[in-house]
Amino acid sequence: MAGITLNTKAITVIMIPCIVTNDLKYTLPDINCTYPIKIELDENSIIGGNRPFTYTLKNNESTQVYTSSVFSVSKEGPYELTIKNTQGCEVIIKDKINISRNEDCDPVFYPNRDGIADTYYIEFQGKAKIYNREGELVKEINAPAHWDGTTNKGIEAPSGLYVIVVNENISIRVSLIR
């Protein structure tokens, strides 16, 4: 086999993802301190992919699928977002979607023992008295301390708005959601 010459050539292969979300943008249009929290994803910040997309929003407790770029969530915190196009291409976005309400809103905690926002921390020092909306004393705590959503009797307090009064002169409103 004389006269055969083999040549090699280096080739660089560049893989381009079918959906690019480097500059993904979203807004929280309602700043009214109510639940659910509305999220509007800017589809113009998604590059590539064949529309329409489906969106899967996932946190530690639930997974919700949407066919619109407008979502509603019932809890603050970090979410994983999966965007999938009609051809089956998908991108998973972790640690980029973190939902929180307006800082002017009352704080909220969720005592469900999942390790996320299970208690409310009372940072002021002194005697803290926790009252429900009817003005009934629910719990007394020596603060600073964490309130775990239980009453003085050790039972779970129901969802609702509570007022924490520290040393009879500092008042804090907090919402408990179960």
N, C-alpha and C. Protein backbone atom coordinates (compact mmCIF):
# COMPACT_ATOMS: atom_id res chain seq x y z
N MET A 1 0.84 -1.17 0.00
CA MET A 1 0.00 0.00 0.00
C MET A 1 0.89 1.24 0.00
N ALA A 2 1.70 1.27 -0.92
CA ALA A 2 2.56 2.43 -1.03
C ALA A 2 1.79 3.57 -1.66
N GLY A 3 2.13 4.79 -1.25
CA GLY A 3 1.53 5.97 -1.82
C GLY A 3 0.32 6.49 -1.06
N ILE A 4 -0.04 5.86 0.05
CA ILE A 4 -1.17 6.38 0.85
C ILE A 4 -0.59 7.24 1.96
N THR A 5 -1.09 8.45 2.05
CA THR A 5 -0.64 9.36 3.09
C THR A 5 -1.84 9.72 3.97
N LEU A 6 -1.68 9.56 5.28
CA LEU A 6 -2.75 9.94 6.22
C LEU A 6 -2.38 11.27 6.86
N ASN A 7 -3.30 12.17 6.83
CA ASN A 7 -3.10 13.46 7.48
C ASN A 7 -4.12 13.61 8.60
N THR A 8 -3.72 14.23 9.67
CA THR A 8 -4.65 14.52 10.77
C THR A 8 -4.79 16.02 10.92
N LYS A 9 -5.92 16.38 11.37
CA LYS A 9 -6.19 17.79 11.56
C LYS A 9 -6.93 17.96 12.88
N ALA A 10 -6.54 18.94 13.68
CA ALA A 10 -7.22 19.23 14.95
C ALA A 10 -8.50 20.00 14.67
N ILE A 11 -9.58 19.56 15.28
CA ILE A 11 -10.88 20.22 15.11
C ILE A 11 -11.39 20.62 16.48
N THR A 12 -11.85 21.82 16.60
CA THR A 12 -12.45 22.29 17.83
C THR A 12 -13.96 22.25 17.68
N VAL A 13 -14.59 21.56 18.59
CA VAL A 13 -16.05 21.46 18.58
C VAL A 13 -16.58 22.38 19.67
N ILE A 14 -17.44 23.30 19.30
CA ILE A 14 -18.05 24.22 20.25
C ILE A 14 -19.51 23.82 20.39
N MET A 15 -19.88 23.47 21.62
CA MET A 15 -21.26 23.07 21.89
C MET A 15 -22.04 24.32 22.31
N ILE A 16 -23.09 24.60 21.60
CA ILE A 16 -23.94 25.74 21.93
C ILE A 16 -25.25 25.19 22.48
N PRO A 17 -25.58 25.57 23.72
CA PRO A 17 -26.84 25.07 24.28
C PRO A 17 -28.04 25.59 23.48
N CYS A 18 -29.09 24.79 23.45
CA CYS A 18 -30.26 25.19 22.68
C CYS A 18 -31.04 26.32 23.36
N ILE A 19 -30.89 26.48 24.67
CA ILE A 19 -31.52 27.58 25.40
C ILE A 19 -30.44 28.22 26.26
N VAL A 20 -30.32 29.54 26.18
CA VAL A 20 -29.33 30.27 26.96
C VAL A 20 -30.06 31.23 27.89
N THR A 21 -29.70 31.18 29.17
CA THR A 21 -30.40 32.01 30.17
C THR A 21 -29.43 32.81 31.03
N ASN A 22 -28.28 33.19 30.48
CA ASN A 22 -27.28 33.91 31.27
C ASN A 22 -27.82 35.20 31.87
N ASP A 23 -28.66 35.90 31.14
CA ASP A 23 -29.19 37.19 31.60
C ASP A 23 -30.68 37.09 31.91
N LEU A 24 -31.10 35.98 32.50
CA LEU A 24 -32.51 35.76 32.81
C LEU A 24 -33.02 36.86 33.75
N LYS A 25 -34.16 37.42 33.39
CA LYS A 25 -34.75 38.50 34.18
C LYS A 25 -36.18 38.13 34.57
N TYR A 26 -36.55 38.53 35.79
CA TYR A 26 -37.92 38.35 36.24
C TYR A 26 -38.28 39.50 37.18
N THR A 27 -39.57 39.75 37.31
CA THR A 27 -40.03 40.82 38.19
C THR A 27 -41.11 40.28 39.12
N LEU A 28 -41.30 40.98 40.21
CA LEU A 28 -42.38 40.72 41.15
C LEU A 28 -43.29 41.95 41.08
N PRO A 29 -44.29 41.92 40.20
CA PRO A 29 -45.07 43.13 39.94
C PRO A 29 -45.96 43.60 41.09
N ASP A 30 -46.41 42.69 41.94
CA ASP A 30 -47.29 43.07 43.05
C ASP A 30 -46.47 43.24 44.31
N ILE A 31 -46.50 44.44 44.86
CA ILE A 31 -45.77 44.70 46.10
C ILE A 31 -46.82 45.02 47.17
N ASN A 32 -47.75 44.09 47.37
CA ASN A 32 -48.84 44.36 48.29
C ASN A 32 -48.83 43.46 49.53
N CYS A 33 -47.75 42.72 49.74
CA CYS A 33 -47.55 41.91 50.93
C CYS A 33 -48.53 40.75 51.07
N THR A 34 -49.19 40.36 50.00
CA THR A 34 -50.14 39.26 50.10
C THR A 34 -49.58 38.03 49.38
N TYR A 35 -50.20 36.91 49.65
CA TYR A 35 -49.85 35.66 48.97
C TYR A 35 -51.01 35.26 48.09
N PRO A 36 -50.79 34.56 46.99
CA PRO A 36 -49.49 34.12 46.50
C PRO A 36 -48.70 35.28 45.92
N ILE A 37 -47.41 35.06 45.80
CA ILE A 37 -46.51 36.05 45.22
C ILE A 37 -46.46 35.81 43.71
N LYS A 38 -46.73 36.85 42.95
CA LYS A 38 -46.75 36.75 41.50
C LYS A 38 -45.35 37.04 40.95
N ILE A 39 -44.91 36.22 40.00
CA ILE A 39 -43.61 36.37 39.35
C ILE A 39 -43.84 36.43 37.85
N GLU A 40 -43.23 37.42 37.19
CA GLU A 40 -43.31 37.51 35.74
C GLU A 40 -41.91 37.35 35.17
N LEU A 41 -41.71 36.28 34.40
CA LEU A 41 -40.44 36.00 33.76
C LEU A 41 -40.38 36.74 32.42
N ASP A 42 -39.28 37.43 32.16
CA ASP A 42 -39.10 38.14 30.90
C ASP A 42 -38.61 37.15 29.85
N GLU A 43 -39.52 36.68 28.98
CA GLU A 43 -39.15 35.70 27.96
C GLU A 43 -38.14 36.26 26.96
N ASN A 44 -38.05 37.58 26.84
CA ASN A 44 -37.07 38.18 25.94
C ASN A 44 -35.64 37.98 26.46
N SER A 45 -35.49 37.63 27.75
CA SER A 45 -34.15 37.39 28.29
C SER A 45 -33.71 35.94 28.08
N ILE A 46 -34.56 35.13 27.42
CA ILE A 46 -34.22 33.74 27.08
C ILE A 46 -33.80 33.72 25.61
N ILE A 47 -32.60 33.22 25.35
CA ILE A 47 -32.08 33.18 23.99
C ILE A 47 -32.17 31.75 23.48
N GLY A 48 -32.67 31.60 22.26
CA GLY A 48 -32.76 30.29 21.63
C GLY A 48 -34.02 29.55 22.04
N GLY A 49 -34.06 28.30 21.64
CA GLY A 49 -35.21 27.47 21.98
C GLY A 49 -36.41 27.75 21.09
N ASN A 50 -37.20 26.74 20.88
CA ASN A 50 -38.43 26.90 20.11
C ASN A 50 -39.58 27.11 21.07
N ARG A 51 -40.25 28.22 20.89
CA ARG A 51 -41.39 28.53 21.75
C ARG A 51 -42.61 27.76 21.30
N PRO A 52 -43.56 27.51 22.13
CA PRO A 52 -43.71 27.97 23.51
C PRO A 52 -42.90 27.11 24.47
N PHE A 53 -42.55 27.73 25.61
CA PHE A 53 -41.81 27.03 26.65
C PHE A 53 -42.78 26.52 27.71
N THR A 54 -42.33 25.50 28.43
CA THR A 54 -42.99 25.14 29.68
C THR A 54 -41.97 25.40 30.78
N TYR A 55 -42.47 25.79 31.92
CA TYR A 55 -41.62 26.17 33.04
C TYR A 55 -41.98 25.30 34.24
N THR A 56 -40.96 24.77 34.90
CA THR A 56 -41.16 24.01 36.12
C THR A 56 -40.44 24.73 37.24
N LEU A 57 -41.20 25.13 38.24
CA LEU A 57 -40.66 25.85 39.38
C LEU A 57 -40.70 24.91 40.58
N LYS A 58 -39.54 24.73 41.22
CA LYS A 58 -39.43 23.72 42.27
C LYS A 58 -38.72 24.30 43.49
N ASN A 59 -39.27 24.01 44.67
CA ASN A 59 -38.55 24.30 45.92
C ASN A 59 -38.54 23.03 46.74
N ASN A 60 -38.20 23.12 48.02
CA ASN A 60 -38.10 21.91 48.85
C ASN A 60 -39.43 21.21 49.05
N GLU A 61 -40.53 21.91 48.85
CA GLU A 61 -41.83 21.36 49.18
C GLU A 61 -42.69 20.98 47.99
N SER A 62 -42.51 21.66 46.88
CA SER A 62 -43.43 21.42 45.77
C SER A 62 -42.76 21.64 44.42
N THR A 63 -43.42 21.10 43.40
CA THR A 63 -43.02 21.30 42.02
C THR A 63 -44.26 21.73 41.26
N GLN A 64 -44.17 22.87 40.56
CA GLN A 64 -45.31 23.38 39.81
C GLN A 64 -44.88 23.59 38.36
N VAL A 65 -45.76 23.19 37.43
CA VAL A 65 -45.49 23.35 36.00
C VAL A 65 -46.40 24.44 35.45
N TYR A 66 -45.82 25.33 34.65
CA TYR A 66 -46.56 26.45 34.07
C TYR A 66 -46.36 26.46 32.55
N THR A 67 -47.38 26.85 31.83
CA THR A 67 -47.26 27.03 30.38
C THR A 67 -47.19 28.51 30.02
N SER A 68 -47.20 29.35 31.01
CA SER A 68 -47.11 30.79 30.84
C SER A 68 -45.87 31.28 31.59
N SER A 69 -45.36 32.45 31.25
CA SER A 69 -44.20 33.00 31.93
C SER A 69 -44.59 33.78 33.18
N VAL A 70 -45.84 33.65 33.61
CA VAL A 70 -46.31 34.27 34.84
C VAL A 70 -46.59 33.15 35.85
N PHE A 71 -45.94 33.23 37.02
CA PHE A 71 -46.06 32.20 38.04
C PHE A 71 -46.66 32.79 39.30
N SER A 72 -47.18 31.93 40.15
CA SER A 72 -47.63 32.32 41.49
C SER A 72 -47.07 31.32 42.48
N VAL A 73 -46.38 31.81 43.51
CA VAL A 73 -45.83 30.94 44.54
C VAL A 73 -46.38 31.35 45.90
N SER A 74 -46.51 30.37 46.78
CA SER A 74 -47.11 30.64 48.08
C SER A 74 -46.08 30.74 49.19
N LYS A 75 -44.80 30.69 48.83
CA LYS A 75 -43.77 30.74 49.86
C LYS A 75 -42.53 31.44 49.33
N GLU A 76 -41.90 32.21 50.20
CA GLU A 76 -40.64 32.86 49.85
C GLU A 76 -39.52 31.83 49.84
N GLY A 77 -38.40 32.20 49.25
CA GLY A 77 -37.22 31.35 49.29
C GLY A 77 -36.66 31.05 47.92
N PRO A 78 -35.64 30.17 47.89
CA PRO A 78 -34.99 29.83 46.63
C PRO A 78 -35.79 28.81 45.83
N TYR A 79 -35.77 28.97 44.52
CA TYR A 79 -36.46 28.05 43.62
C TYR A 79 -35.52 27.62 42.50
N GLU A 80 -35.73 26.40 42.04
CA GLU A 80 -35.05 25.90 40.85
C GLU A 80 -36.03 26.04 39.70
N LEU A 81 -35.56 26.57 38.58
CA LEU A 81 -36.41 26.78 37.41
C LEU A 81 -35.90 25.94 36.25
N THR A 82 -36.80 25.16 35.66
CA THR A 82 -36.48 24.40 34.45
C THR A 82 -37.30 24.97 33.31
N ILE A 83 -36.61 25.32 32.23
CA ILE A 83 -37.27 25.82 31.03
C ILE A 83 -37.13 24.75 29.96
N LYS A 84 -38.24 24.34 29.36
CA LYS A 84 -38.22 23.29 28.35
C LYS A 84 -38.93 23.80 27.11
N ASN A 85 -38.35 23.52 25.93
CA ASN A 85 -38.99 23.97 24.69
C ASN A 85 -39.77 22.83 24.04
N THR A 86 -40.37 23.10 22.90
CA THR A 86 -41.22 22.12 22.22
C THR A 86 -40.44 20.95 21.63
N GLN A 87 -39.11 21.10 21.47
CA GLN A 87 -38.28 20.05 20.92
C GLN A 87 -37.68 19.15 22.01
N GLY A 88 -38.01 19.44 23.28
CA GLY A 88 -37.49 18.63 24.38
C GLY A 88 -36.19 19.14 24.98
N CYS A 89 -35.66 20.21 24.44
CA CYS A 89 -34.45 20.80 25.00
C CYS A 89 -34.82 21.50 26.30
N GLU A 90 -33.99 21.34 27.32
CA GLU A 90 -34.29 22.00 28.58
C GLU A 90 -33.03 22.52 29.23
N VAL A 91 -33.22 23.53 30.06
CA VAL A 91 -32.13 24.10 30.85
C VAL A 91 -32.65 24.20 32.28
N ILE A 92 -31.79 23.84 33.23
CA ILE A 92 -32.14 23.90 34.65
C ILE A 92 -31.34 25.03 35.28
N ILE A 93 -32.04 25.93 35.93
CA ILE A 93 -31.41 27.10 36.54
C ILE A 93 -31.54 26.96 38.05
N LYS A 94 -30.40 26.83 38.70
CA LYS A 94 -30.37 26.70 40.16
C LYS A 94 -29.79 27.97 40.76
N ASP A 95 -30.22 28.29 41.96
CA ASP A 95 -29.66 29.40 42.74
C ASP A 95 -29.75 30.76 42.07
N LYS A 96 -30.71 30.95 41.16
CA LYS A 96 -30.86 32.25 40.52
C LYS A 96 -32.22 32.87 40.83
N ILE A 97 -33.20 32.04 41.12
CA ILE A 97 -34.53 32.52 41.44
C ILE A 97 -34.70 32.49 42.96
N ASN A 98 -34.72 33.64 43.58
CA ASN A 98 -34.91 33.73 45.03
C ASN A 98 -36.03 34.72 45.28
N ILE A 99 -37.17 34.21 45.71
CA ILE A 99 -38.37 35.02 45.85
C ILE A 99 -38.48 35.55 47.27
N SER A 100 -38.68 36.85 47.38
CA SER A 100 -38.93 37.45 48.68
C SER A 100 -39.91 38.60 48.49
N ARG A 101 -40.65 38.84 49.54
CA ARG A 101 -41.62 39.94 49.49
C ARG A 101 -40.92 41.26 49.76
N ASN A 102 -41.64 42.33 49.55
CA ASN A 102 -41.15 43.67 49.82
C ASN A 102 -40.67 43.75 51.26
N GLU A 103 -39.56 44.43 51.49
CA GLU A 103 -39.04 44.53 52.86
C GLU A 103 -39.95 45.32 53.78
N ASP A 104 -40.92 46.07 53.24
CA ASP A 104 -41.89 46.77 54.08
C ASP A 104 -42.99 45.84 54.59
N CYS A 105 -43.05 44.61 54.07
CA CYS A 105 -44.06 43.65 54.48
C CYS A 105 -43.68 43.03 55.82
N ASP A 106 -44.71 42.58 56.55
CA ASP A 106 -44.45 41.88 57.81
C ASP A 106 -43.66 40.61 57.53
N PRO A 107 -42.75 40.23 58.44
CA PRO A 107 -42.03 38.98 58.24
C PRO A 107 -42.97 37.78 58.34
N VAL A 108 -42.58 36.71 57.66
CA VAL A 108 -43.38 35.49 57.63
C VAL A 108 -42.47 34.32 57.98
N PHE A 109 -42.99 33.37 58.77
CA PHE A 109 -42.25 32.14 58.98
C PHE A 109 -43.19 30.95 58.85
N TYR A 110 -42.58 29.79 58.55
CA TYR A 110 -43.32 28.58 58.19
C TYR A 110 -42.84 27.42 59.06
N PRO A 111 -43.39 27.24 60.25
CA PRO A 111 -42.89 26.19 61.14
C PRO A 111 -43.35 24.79 60.73
N ASN A 112 -42.75 24.25 59.67
CA ASN A 112 -43.13 22.91 59.19
C ASN A 112 -41.98 21.92 59.30
N ARG A 113 -40.94 22.30 60.01
CA ARG A 113 -39.78 21.45 60.31
C ARG A 113 -38.99 21.01 59.07
N ASP A 114 -38.98 21.85 58.03
CA ASP A 114 -38.17 21.53 56.86
C ASP A 114 -36.80 22.20 56.91
N GLY A 115 -36.56 22.98 57.96
CA GLY A 115 -35.28 23.65 58.12
C GLY A 115 -35.20 25.00 57.46
N ILE A 116 -36.26 25.43 56.77
CA ILE A 116 -36.26 26.72 56.10
C ILE A 116 -37.33 27.59 56.74
N ALA A 117 -36.93 28.69 57.36
CA ALA A 117 -37.84 29.66 57.98
C ALA A 117 -38.82 28.99 58.94
N ASP A 118 -38.31 28.05 59.75
CA ASP A 118 -39.16 27.33 60.71
C ASP A 118 -39.44 28.11 61.98
N THR A 119 -38.62 29.10 62.26
CA THR A 119 -38.82 29.89 63.48
C THR A 119 -38.72 31.37 63.14
N TYR A 120 -39.22 32.18 64.08
CA TYR A 120 -39.04 33.62 63.96
C TYR A 120 -38.13 34.06 65.09
N TYR A 121 -37.04 34.75 64.75
CA TYR A 121 -36.07 35.18 65.74
C TYR A 121 -36.44 36.55 66.28
N ILE A 122 -36.62 36.61 67.59
CA ILE A 122 -36.90 37.87 68.30
C ILE A 122 -35.55 38.37 68.79
N GLU A 123 -35.07 39.44 68.19
CA GLU A 123 -33.70 39.90 68.45
C GLU A 123 -33.57 40.82 69.66
N PHE A 124 -34.67 41.40 70.10
CA PHE A 124 -34.61 42.33 71.22
C PHE A 124 -34.52 41.57 72.54
N GLN A 125 -33.86 42.17 73.52
CA GLN A 125 -33.68 41.51 74.81
C GLN A 125 -34.81 41.90 75.76
N GLY A 126 -35.33 40.90 76.46
CA GLY A 126 -36.36 41.17 77.45
C GLY A 126 -37.47 40.13 77.40
N LYS A 127 -38.58 40.45 78.02
CA LYS A 127 -39.74 39.56 78.07
C LYS A 127 -40.59 39.81 76.83
N ALA A 128 -40.77 38.77 76.03
CA ALA A 128 -41.56 38.88 74.81
C ALA A 128 -42.89 38.17 75.02
N LYS A 129 -43.96 38.87 74.73
CA LYS A 129 -45.31 38.30 74.80
C LYS A 129 -45.88 38.28 73.40
N ILE A 130 -46.40 37.12 73.01
CA ILE A 130 -46.93 36.95 71.66
C ILE A 130 -48.44 36.84 71.73
N TYR A 131 -49.12 37.71 70.97
CA TYR A 131 -50.58 37.78 70.98
C TYR A 131 -51.13 37.44 69.60
N ASN A 132 -52.30 36.81 69.56
CA ASN A 132 -52.97 36.56 68.28
C ASN A 132 -53.80 37.78 67.91
N ARG A 133 -54.51 37.73 66.79
CA ARG A 133 -55.30 38.88 66.31
C ARG A 133 -56.43 39.26 67.25
N GLU A 134 -56.89 38.30 68.05
CA GLU A 134 -57.96 38.57 69.00
C GLU A 134 -57.44 39.19 70.28
N GLY A 135 -56.12 39.36 70.39
CA GLY A 135 -55.52 39.96 71.57
C GLY A 135 -55.26 38.97 72.69
N GLU A 136 -55.40 37.68 72.40
CA GLU A 136 -55.16 36.65 73.42
C GLU A 136 -53.67 36.34 73.49
N LEU A 137 -53.15 36.19 74.70
CA LEU A 137 -51.75 35.83 74.90
C LEU A 137 -51.54 34.40 74.43
N VAL A 138 -50.61 34.21 73.51
CA VAL A 138 -50.33 32.89 72.95
C VAL A 138 -49.10 32.27 73.60
N LYS A 139 -48.05 33.10 73.79
CA LYS A 139 -46.78 32.58 74.32
C LYS A 139 -45.98 33.70 74.95
N GLU A 140 -45.21 33.33 75.97
CA GLU A 140 -44.25 34.23 76.58
C GLU A 140 -42.86 33.62 76.43
N ILE A 141 -41.90 34.45 76.02
CA ILE A 141 -40.53 33.98 75.77
C ILE A 141 -39.56 35.00 76.35
N ASN A 142 -38.46 34.52 76.91
CA ASN A 142 -37.37 35.40 77.29
C ASN A 142 -36.49 35.58 76.06
N ALA A 143 -36.44 36.81 75.57
CA ALA A 143 -35.72 37.09 74.33
C ALA A 143 -34.36 37.70 74.64
N PRO A 144 -33.39 37.61 73.72
CA PRO A 144 -33.53 37.13 72.35
C PRO A 144 -33.77 35.62 72.32
N ALA A 145 -34.61 35.22 71.39
CA ALA A 145 -34.98 33.81 71.27
C ALA A 145 -35.69 33.56 69.95
N HIS A 146 -35.84 32.29 69.60
CA HIS A 146 -36.59 31.88 68.42
C HIS A 146 -37.98 31.42 68.85
N TRP A 147 -39.01 31.92 68.18
CA TRP A 147 -40.36 31.40 68.39
C TRP A 147 -40.61 30.35 67.32
N ASP A 148 -40.99 29.16 67.77
CA ASP A 148 -41.20 28.04 66.86
C ASP A 148 -42.64 27.85 66.42
N GLY A 149 -43.50 28.80 66.76
CA GLY A 149 -44.90 28.71 66.35
C GLY A 149 -45.77 27.92 67.30
N THR A 150 -45.25 27.60 68.49
CA THR A 150 -46.06 26.88 69.47
C THR A 150 -46.58 27.84 70.53
N THR A 151 -47.61 27.40 71.25
CA THR A 151 -48.20 28.18 72.33
C THR A 151 -47.52 27.84 73.65
N ASN A 152 -47.94 28.53 74.72
CA ASN A 152 -47.42 28.21 76.05
C ASN A 152 -47.73 26.77 76.43
N LYS A 153 -48.80 26.19 75.87
CA LYS A 153 -49.19 24.81 76.16
C LYS A 153 -48.44 23.80 75.30
N GLY A 154 -47.59 24.28 74.39
CA GLY A 154 -46.81 23.40 73.54
C GLY A 154 -47.52 22.92 72.29
N ILE A 155 -48.71 23.45 72.00
CA ILE A 155 -49.42 23.06 70.78
C ILE A 155 -49.11 24.07 69.67
N GLU A 156 -49.32 23.65 68.43
CA GLU A 156 -49.04 24.52 67.30
C GLU A 156 -50.07 25.64 67.21
N ALA A 157 -49.60 26.87 67.14
CA ALA A 157 -50.48 28.01 66.92
C ALA A 157 -50.95 27.98 65.46
N PRO A 158 -52.19 28.37 65.20
CA PRO A 158 -52.68 28.33 63.82
C PRO A 158 -52.07 29.44 62.96
N SER A 159 -52.21 29.28 61.65
CA SER A 159 -51.76 30.33 60.73
C SER A 159 -52.45 31.63 61.07
N GLY A 160 -51.73 32.71 60.89
CA GLY A 160 -52.34 34.01 61.14
C GLY A 160 -51.32 35.07 61.45
N LEU A 161 -51.83 36.25 61.75
CA LEU A 161 -51.01 37.40 62.11
C LEU A 161 -50.86 37.44 63.62
N TYR A 162 -49.65 37.65 64.09
CA TYR A 162 -49.35 37.72 65.52
C TYR A 162 -48.60 39.01 65.81
N VAL A 163 -48.77 39.50 67.04
CA VAL A 163 -48.04 40.68 67.49
C VAL A 163 -47.15 40.24 68.64
N ILE A 164 -45.87 40.56 68.52
CA ILE A 164 -44.91 40.25 69.57
C ILE A 164 -44.58 41.57 70.27
N VAL A 165 -44.82 41.62 71.56
CA VAL A 165 -44.54 42.81 72.35
C VAL A 165 -43.38 42.49 73.28
N VAL A 166 -42.28 43.26 73.13
CA VAL A 166 -41.09 43.03 73.94
C VAL A 166 -40.97 44.16 74.94
N ASN A 167 -40.90 43.81 76.23
CA ASN A 167 -40.75 44.78 77.33
C ASN A 167 -41.85 45.84 77.33
N GLU A 168 -43.01 45.48 76.83
CA GLU A 168 -44.18 46.36 76.82
C GLU A 168 -44.00 47.63 75.98
N ASN A 169 -42.88 47.75 75.22
CA ASN A 169 -42.71 48.98 74.44
C ASN A 169 -42.26 48.76 73.00
N ILE A 170 -41.87 47.54 72.62
CA ILE A 170 -41.49 47.26 71.24
C ILE A 170 -42.53 46.30 70.68
N SER A 171 -43.11 46.67 69.52
CA SER A 171 -44.17 45.86 68.92
C SER A 171 -43.72 45.39 67.53
N ILE A 172 -43.85 44.07 67.30
CA ILE A 172 -43.44 43.48 66.03
C ILE A 172 -44.61 42.65 65.50
N ARG A 173 -44.99 42.87 64.23
CA ARG A 173 -46.01 42.05 63.61
C ARG A 173 -45.32 40.97 62.80
N VAL A 174 -45.85 39.73 62.89
CA VAL A 174 -45.27 38.61 62.16
C VAL A 174 -46.40 37.68 61.73
N SER A 175 -46.28 37.12 60.54
CA SER A 175 -47.28 36.17 60.05
C SER A 175 -46.73 34.75 60.14
N LEU A 176 -47.57 33.86 60.62
CA LEU A 176 -47.23 32.44 60.71
C LEU A 176 -48.08 31.73 59.66
N ILE A 177 -47.45 30.95 58.81
CA ILE A 177 -48.17 30.21 57.78
C ILE A 177 -47.83 28.73 57.92
N ARG A 178 -48.85 27.92 58.01
CA ARG A 178 -48.66 26.46 58.11
C ARG A 178 -48.94 25.83 56.78
